[in-house]
C-alpha atoms as a PDB file:
ATOM      1  CA  UNK A   1      78.381  78.321  77.814  1.00  0.00           C
ATOM      2  CA  UNK A   2      81.174  76.858  79.997  1.00  0.00           C
ATOM      3  CA  UNK A   3      83.052  78.980  82.477  1.00  0.00           C
ATOM      4  CA  UNK A   4      86.564  79.684  81.120  1.00  0.00           C
ATOM      5  CA  UNK A   5      88.020  79.412  84.659  1.00  0.00           C
ATOM      6  CA  UNK A   6      86.448  76.022  85.267  1.00  0.00           C
ATOM      7  CA  UNK A   7      89.782  74.123  85.245  1.00  0.00           C
ATOM      8  CA  UNK A   8      91.997  76.815  86.789  1.00  0.00           C
ATOM      9  CA  UNK A   9      91.922  75.281  90.244  1.00  0.00           C
ATOM     10  CA  UNK A  10      93.339  72.054  88.817  1.00  0.00           C
ATOM     11  CA  UNK A  11      96.283  73.651  86.974  1.00  0.00           C
ATOM     12  CA  UNK A  12      97.129  76.603  89.285  1.00  0.00           C
ATOM     13  CA  UNK A  13      99.915  75.831  91.777  1.00  0.00           C
ATOM     14  CA  UNK A  14      99.234  76.462  95.485  1.00  0.00           C
ATOM     15  CA  UNK A  15      99.340  80.094  96.682  1.00  0.00           C
ATOM     16  CA  UNK A  16     102.539  79.510  98.686  1.00  0.00           C
ATOM     17  CA  UNK A  17     104.404  78.220  95.606  1.00  0.00           C
ATOM     18  CA  UNK A  18     103.187  81.126  93.476  1.00  0.00           C
ATOM     19  CA  UNK A  19     104.268  83.692  96.063  1.00  0.00           C
ATOM     20  CA  UNK A  20     107.657  82.030  96.502  1.00  0.00           C
ATOM     21  CA  UNK A  21     108.193  82.146  92.744  1.00  0.00           C
ATOM     22  CA  UNK A  22     107.535  85.897  92.891  1.00  0.00           C
ATOM     23  CA  UNK A  23     109.923  86.342  95.809  1.00  0.00           C
ATOM     24  CA  UNK A  24     107.278  87.566  98.259  1.00  0.00           C
ATOM     25  CA  UNK A  25     105.739  86.312 101.489  1.00  0.00           C
ATOM     26  CA  UNK A  26     102.068  85.942 102.235  1.00  0.00           C
ATOM     27  CA  UNK A  27     100.567  88.520 104.585  1.00  0.00           C
ATOM     28  CA  UNK A  28     100.283  87.386 108.184  1.00  0.00           C
ATOM     29  CA  UNK A  29      97.045  87.651 110.196  1.00  0.00           C
ATOM     30  CA  UNK A  30      96.225  91.315 110.807  1.00  0.00           C
ATOM     31  CA  UNK A  31      98.661  92.631 108.191  1.00  0.00           C
ATOM     32  CA  UNK A  32      97.648  94.806 105.254  1.00  0.00           C
ATOM     33  CA  UNK A  33      99.503  96.086 102.206  1.00  0.00           C
ATOM     34  CA  UNK A  34      98.276  99.693 101.683  1.00  0.00           C
ATOM     35  CA  UNK A  35      99.261 101.841  98.743  1.00  0.00           C
ATOM     36  CA  UNK A  36     100.545 105.106 100.218  1.00  0.00           C
ATOM     37  CA  UNK A  37     102.389 107.949  98.524  1.00  0.00           C
ATOM     38  CA  UNK A  38     105.274 109.408 100.511  1.00  0.00           C
ATOM     39  CA  UNK A  39     107.525 112.375  99.789  1.00  0.00           C
ATOM     40  CA  UNK A  40     111.173 111.616 100.609  1.00  0.00           C
ATOM     41  CA  UNK A  41     114.654 112.831  99.771  1.00  0.00           C
ATOM     42  CA  UNK A  42     116.316 110.590  97.153  1.00  0.00           C
ATOM     43  CA  UNK A  43     118.853 108.951  99.543  1.00  0.00           C
ATOM     44  CA  UNK A  44     116.076 108.071 101.973  1.00  0.00           C
ATOM     45  CA  UNK A  45     113.912 106.682  99.174  1.00  0.00           C
ATOM     46  CA  UNK A  46     116.810 104.557  97.912  1.00  0.00           C
ATOM     47  CA  UNK A  47     117.373 103.126 101.361  1.00  0.00           C
ATOM     48  CA  UNK A  48     113.664 102.450 101.809  1.00  0.00           C
ATOM     49  CA  UNK A  49     113.485 100.661  98.431  1.00  0.00           C
ATOM     50  CA  UNK A  50     116.399  98.446  99.412  1.00  0.00           C
ATOM     51  CA  UNK A  51     114.507  97.096 102.458  1.00  0.00           C
ATOM     52  CA  UNK A  52     112.049  94.198 102.546  1.00  0.00           C
ATOM     53  CA  UNK A  53     108.398  95.003 103.035  1.00  0.00           C
ATOM     54  CA  UNK A  54     108.590  93.652 106.577  1.00  0.00           C
ATOM     55  CA  UNK A  55     111.550  95.949 107.389  1.00  0.00           C
ATOM     56  CA  UNK A  56     109.718  98.947 105.913  1.00  0.00           C
ATOM     57  CA  UNK A  57     106.763  98.268 108.188  1.00  0.00           C
ATOM     58  CA  UNK A  58     109.005  97.975 111.243  1.00  0.00           C
ATOM     59  CA  UNK A  59     110.770 101.248 110.372  1.00  0.00           C
ATOM     60  CA  UNK A  60     107.425 102.997 109.863  1.00  0.00           C
ATOM     61  CA  UNK A  61     106.057 101.783 113.247  1.00  0.00           C
ATOM     62  CA  UNK A  62     109.300 102.758 115.002  1.00  0.00           C
ATOM     63  CA  UNK A  63     109.012 106.215 113.467  1.00  0.00           C
ATOM     64  CA  UNK A  64     105.420 106.635 114.654  1.00  0.00           C
ATOM     65  CA  UNK A  65     106.425 105.604 118.161  1.00  0.00           C
ATOM     66  CA  UNK A  66     109.361 108.035 118.088  1.00  0.00           C
ATOM     67  CA  UNK A  67     106.919 110.803 117.227  1.00  0.00           C
ATOM     68  CA  UNK A  68     104.780 109.870 120.188  1.00  0.00           C
ATOM     69  CA  UNK A  69     101.925 108.414 118.191  1.00  0.00           C
ATOM     70  CA  UNK A  70     100.200 105.394 119.637  1.00  0.00           C
ATOM     71  CA  UNK A  71     100.218 102.260 117.507  1.00  0.00           C
ATOM     72  CA  UNK A  72      97.243 100.152 118.490  1.00  0.00           C
ATOM     73  CA  UNK A  73      96.929  96.414 118.138  1.00  0.00           C
ATOM     74  CA  UNK A  74      93.315  96.680 116.915  1.00  0.00           C
ATOM     75  CA  UNK A  75      92.309  95.877 113.371  1.00  0.00           C
END
């Protein structure tokens, strides 16, 4: 029985083109995209949702530093 995904690599566009079509950027080296639940007030949640994923990460890291928590460079 033939593999149904046998020809997918020939018809699927490159990853960069697929991501661009979705309006997202590929993760850089050392980056992750965790699923985390957060409790926020509605205005804060609305502001957070209006940001790009890169901006959200920068805000989160800045908040950790402001709280005195060390952000390591390790993976």
